[in-house]
Amino acid sequence: MVRVKNHEHVHSVVWDIVLTIITCWIFNLFVQYRQICSVNVMIGQQKYNFLKWLLLSFITCGIYHIYHEYIFSEDISKAMNQPDSNDGIICLLLSICGFSIVADAIQQDKINNYFENI
């Protein structure tokens, strides 16, 4: 496994939310890219691909993104040795209700905790 610098994957949740809102969700594309890269490092494989996520989310009018939020959160929990966590369900429900930005914030907080503790 490749050693990484912690700061490469630790980002401010508040700034992500603020910049996402200010840019009318355009910044969230960058957040998704960063999180995909971070989770791939966490799980030690190239399971997630930004272009695949973007294309399938567009083609399915966002339905793939809802699924992505669930499976993504599940993998974060597994990487943190918390397989019984309800984060996947929470992020799924938030995404269904249109609060994907909150799901992203939860995911980034977990990513931050993971990389701050290695």
C-alpha atoms as a PDB file:
ATOM      1  CA  MET A   1       0.000   0.000   0.000  1.00  0.00           C
ATOM      2  CA  VAL A   2       1.221   3.477  -0.847  1.00  0.00           C
ATOM      3  CA  ARG A   3       1.899   5.778   2.108  1.00  0.00           C
ATOM      4  CA  VAL A   4       0.153   9.102   1.795  1.00  0.00           C
ATOM      5  CA  LYS A   5       0.461  12.407   3.524  1.00  0.00           C
ATOM      6  CA  ASN A   6      -2.493  12.940   5.808  1.00  0.00           C
ATOM      7  CA  HIS A   7      -3.125  16.495   4.668  1.00  0.00           C
ATOM      8  CA  GLU A   8      -3.839  15.344   1.130  1.00  0.00           C
ATOM      9  CA  HIS A   9      -7.119  13.798   2.259  1.00  0.00           C
ATOM     10  CA  VAL A  10      -8.124  15.966   5.232  1.00  0.00           C
ATOM     11  CA  HIS A  11     -10.355  18.883   4.238  1.00  0.00           C
ATOM     12  CA  SER A  12     -12.645  21.357   5.958  1.00  0.00           C
ATOM     13  CA  VAL A  13     -16.243  20.182   5.975  1.00  0.00           C
ATOM     14  CA  VAL A  14     -17.496  23.724   6.578  1.00  0.00           C
ATOM     15  CA  TRP A  15     -15.576  25.166   3.606  1.00  0.00           C
ATOM     16  CA  ASP A  16     -16.801  22.343   1.388  1.00  0.00           C
ATOM     17  CA  ILE A  17     -20.407  23.179   2.285  1.00  0.00           C
ATOM     18  CA  VAL A  18     -19.940  26.943   1.936  1.00  0.00           C
ATOM     19  CA  LEU A  19     -18.158  26.711  -1.421  1.00  0.00           C
ATOM     20  CA  THR A  20     -20.685  24.179  -2.703  1.00  0.00           C
ATOM     21  CA  ILE A  21     -23.582  26.505  -1.862  1.00  0.00           C
ATOM     22  CA  ILE A  22     -21.840  29.641  -3.209  1.00  0.00           C
ATOM     23  CA  THR A  23     -21.029  27.926  -6.525  1.00  0.00           C
ATOM     24  CA  CYS A  24     -24.524  26.437  -6.894  1.00  0.00           C
ATOM     25  CA  TRP A  25     -23.210  22.898  -6.320  1.00  0.00           C
ATOM     26  CA  ILE A  26     -20.425  23.075  -8.945  1.00  0.00           C
ATOM     27  CA  PHE A  27     -17.746  22.816  -6.229  1.00  0.00           C
ATOM     28  CA  ASN A  28     -19.395  19.582  -5.106  1.00  0.00           C
ATOM     29  CA  LEU A  29     -18.023  17.919  -8.249  1.00  0.00           C
ATOM     30  CA  PHE A  30     -14.523  18.608  -6.919  1.00  0.00           C
ATOM     31  CA  VAL A  31     -15.557  17.361  -3.466  1.00  0.00           C
ATOM     32  CA  GLN A  32     -16.783  14.121  -5.028  1.00  0.00           C
ATOM     33  CA  TYR A  33     -13.524  13.716  -6.938  1.00  0.00           C
ATOM     34  CA  ARG A  34     -11.455  14.247  -3.774  1.00  0.00           C
ATOM     35  CA  GLN A  35     -13.589  11.864  -1.755  1.00  0.00           C
ATOM     36  CA  ILE A  36     -13.393   9.170  -4.430  1.00  0.00           C
ATOM     37  CA  CYS A  37      -9.603   9.436  -4.436  1.00  0.00           C
ATOM     38  CA  SER A  38      -9.494   9.338  -0.628  1.00  0.00           C
ATOM     39  CA  VAL A  39     -11.763   6.315  -0.283  1.00  0.00           C
ATOM     40  CA  ASN A  40      -9.813   4.414  -2.926  1.00  0.00           C
ATOM     41  CA  VAL A  41      -6.717   4.954  -0.762  1.00  0.00           C
ATOM     42  CA  MET A  42      -8.633   3.943   2.384  1.00  0.00           C
ATOM     43  CA  ILE A  43      -9.830   0.640   0.919  1.00  0.00           C
ATOM     44  CA  GLY A  44      -6.571  -0.048  -0.919  1.00  0.00           C
ATOM     45  CA  GLN A  45      -8.084  -0.524  -4.369  1.00  0.00           C
ATOM     46  CA  GLN A  46      -9.382   1.504  -7.304  1.00  0.00           C
ATOM     47  CA  LYS A  47     -13.046   0.642  -6.749  1.00  0.00           C
ATOM     48  CA  TYR A  48     -14.435   4.110  -7.432  1.00  0.00           C
ATOM     49  CA  ASN A  49     -13.998   6.208 -10.561  1.00  0.00           C
ATOM     50  CA  PHE A  50     -15.030   9.852 -10.827  1.00  0.00           C
ATOM     51  CA  LEU A  51     -15.907   9.770 -14.538  1.00  0.00           C
ATOM     52  CA  LYS A  52     -17.994   6.622 -14.069  1.00  0.00           C
ATOM     53  CA  TRP A  53     -19.819   8.250 -11.156  1.00  0.00           C
ATOM     54  CA  LEU A  54     -20.401  11.454 -13.141  1.00  0.00           C
ATOM     55  CA  LEU A  55     -21.625   9.680 -16.285  1.00  0.00           C
ATOM     56  CA  LEU A  56     -23.908   7.217 -14.500  1.00  0.00           C
ATOM     57  CA  SER A  57     -25.306   9.929 -12.234  1.00  0.00           C
ATOM     58  CA  PHE A  58     -26.103  12.057 -15.286  1.00  0.00           C
ATOM     59  CA  ILE A  59     -27.615   9.208 -17.316  1.00  0.00           C
ATOM     60  CA  THR A  60     -29.804   8.029 -14.429  1.00  0.00           C
ATOM     61  CA  CYS A  61     -30.860  11.567 -13.421  1.00  0.00           C
ATOM     62  CA  GLY A  62     -29.173  11.222 -10.041  1.00  0.00           C
ATOM     63  CA  ILE A  63     -30.394   7.749  -9.079  1.00  0.00           C
ATOM     64  CA  TYR A  64     -26.894   6.279  -9.366  1.00  0.00           C
ATOM     65  CA  HIS A  65     -25.620   9.036  -7.068  1.00  0.00           C
ATOM     66  CA  ILE A  66     -28.073   7.920  -4.372  1.00  0.00           C
ATOM     67  CA  TYR A  67     -26.761   4.355  -4.655  1.00  0.00           C
ATOM     68  CA  HIS A  68     -23.189   5.676  -4.709  1.00  0.00           C
ATOM     69  CA  GLU A  69     -23.717   7.579  -1.446  1.00  0.00           C
ATOM     70  CA  TYR A  70     -24.896   4.369   0.246  1.00  0.00           C
ATOM     71  CA  ILE A  71     -22.141   2.032  -0.974  1.00  0.00           C
ATOM     72  CA  PHE A  72     -19.491   4.734  -0.518  1.00  0.00           C
ATOM     73  CA  SER A  73     -20.471   5.230   3.131  1.00  0.00           C
ATOM     74  CA  GLU A  74     -20.498   1.485   3.694  1.00  0.00           C
ATOM     75  CA  ASP A  75     -16.924   1.213   2.387  1.00  0.00           C
ATOM     76  CA  ILE A  76     -15.809   4.128   4.574  1.00  0.00           C
ATOM     77  CA  SER A  77     -17.269   2.367   7.610  1.00  0.00           C
ATOM     78  CA  LYS A  78     -15.539  -0.901   6.696  1.00  0.00           C
ATOM     79  CA  ALA A  79     -12.204   0.884   6.235  1.00  0.00           C
ATOM     80  CA  MET A  80     -12.629   2.398   9.701  1.00  0.00           C
ATOM     81  CA  ASN A  81     -13.435  -1.030  11.187  1.00  0.00           C
ATOM     82  CA  GLN A  82     -17.017   0.038  11.935  1.00  0.00           C
ATOM     83  CA  PRO A  83     -18.996  -2.501   9.879  1.00  0.00           C
ATOM     84  CA  ASP A  84     -22.070  -2.141  12.115  1.00  0.00           C
ATOM     85  CA  SER A  85     -22.294   1.604  11.486  1.00  0.00           C
ATOM     86  CA  ASN A  86     -25.565   2.988  10.129  1.00  0.00           C
ATOM     87  CA  ASP A  87     -23.785   5.623   8.030  1.00  0.00           C
ATOM     88  CA  GLY A  88     -24.725   3.920   4.762  1.00  0.00           C
ATOM     89  CA  ILE A  89     -28.431   3.993   5.559  1.00  0.00           C
ATOM     90  CA  ILE A  90     -28.210   7.537   6.917  1.00  0.00           C
ATOM     91  CA  CYS A  91     -26.456   8.786   3.762  1.00  0.00           C
ATOM     92  CA  LEU A  92     -28.911   6.873   1.575  1.00  0.00           C
ATOM     93  CA  LEU A  93     -31.912   8.485   3.293  1.00  0.00           C
ATOM     94  CA  LEU A  94     -30.314  11.939   3.208  1.00  0.00           C
ATOM     95  CA  SER A  95     -29.631  11.554  -0.522  1.00  0.00           C
ATOM     96  CA  ILE A  96     -33.166  10.362  -1.250  1.00  0.00           C
ATOM     97  CA  CYS A  97     -34.504  13.430   0.583  1.00  0.00           C
ATOM     98  CA  GLY A  98     -32.217  15.757  -1.410  1.00  0.00           C
ATOM     99  CA  PHE A  99     -29.626  16.359   1.290  1.00  0.00           C
ATOM    100  CA  SER A 100     -26.606  14.836  -0.426  1.00  0.00           C
ATOM    101  CA  ILE A 101     -24.522  17.759   0.784  1.00  0.00           C
ATOM    102  CA  VAL A 102     -25.088  16.552   4.362  1.00  0.00           C
ATOM    103  CA  ALA A 103     -24.174  13.000   3.343  1.00  0.00           C
ATOM    104  CA  ASP A 104     -20.973  14.366   1.781  1.00  0.00           C
ATOM    105  CA  ALA A 105     -20.220  16.239   5.002  1.00  0.00           C
ATOM    106  CA  ILE A 106     -20.641  13.055   7.056  1.00  0.00           C
ATOM    107  CA  GLN A 107     -18.395  11.172   4.632  1.00  0.00           C
ATOM    108  CA  GLN A 108     -15.714  13.878   4.685  1.00  0.00           C
ATOM    109  CA  ASP A 109     -15.771  13.919   8.481  1.00  0.00           C
ATOM    110  CA  LYS A 110     -15.198  10.148   8.509  1.00  0.00           C
ATOM    111  CA  ILE A 111     -12.421  10.487   5.911  1.00  0.00           C
ATOM    112  CA  ASN A 112     -10.796  13.220   8.015  1.00  0.00           C
ATOM    113  CA  ASN A 113     -10.971  11.035  11.139  1.00  0.00           C
ATOM    114  CA  TYR A 114      -9.446   8.094   9.281  1.00  0.00           C
ATOM    115  CA  PHE A 115      -6.462  10.031   7.903  1.00  0.00           C
ATOM    116  CA  GLU A 116      -5.873  12.016  11.099  1.00  0.00           C
ATOM    117  CA  ASN A 117      -5.515   8.743  13.005  1.00  0.00           C
ATOM    118  CA  ILE A 118      -3.098   6.872  10.755  1.00  0.00           C
END
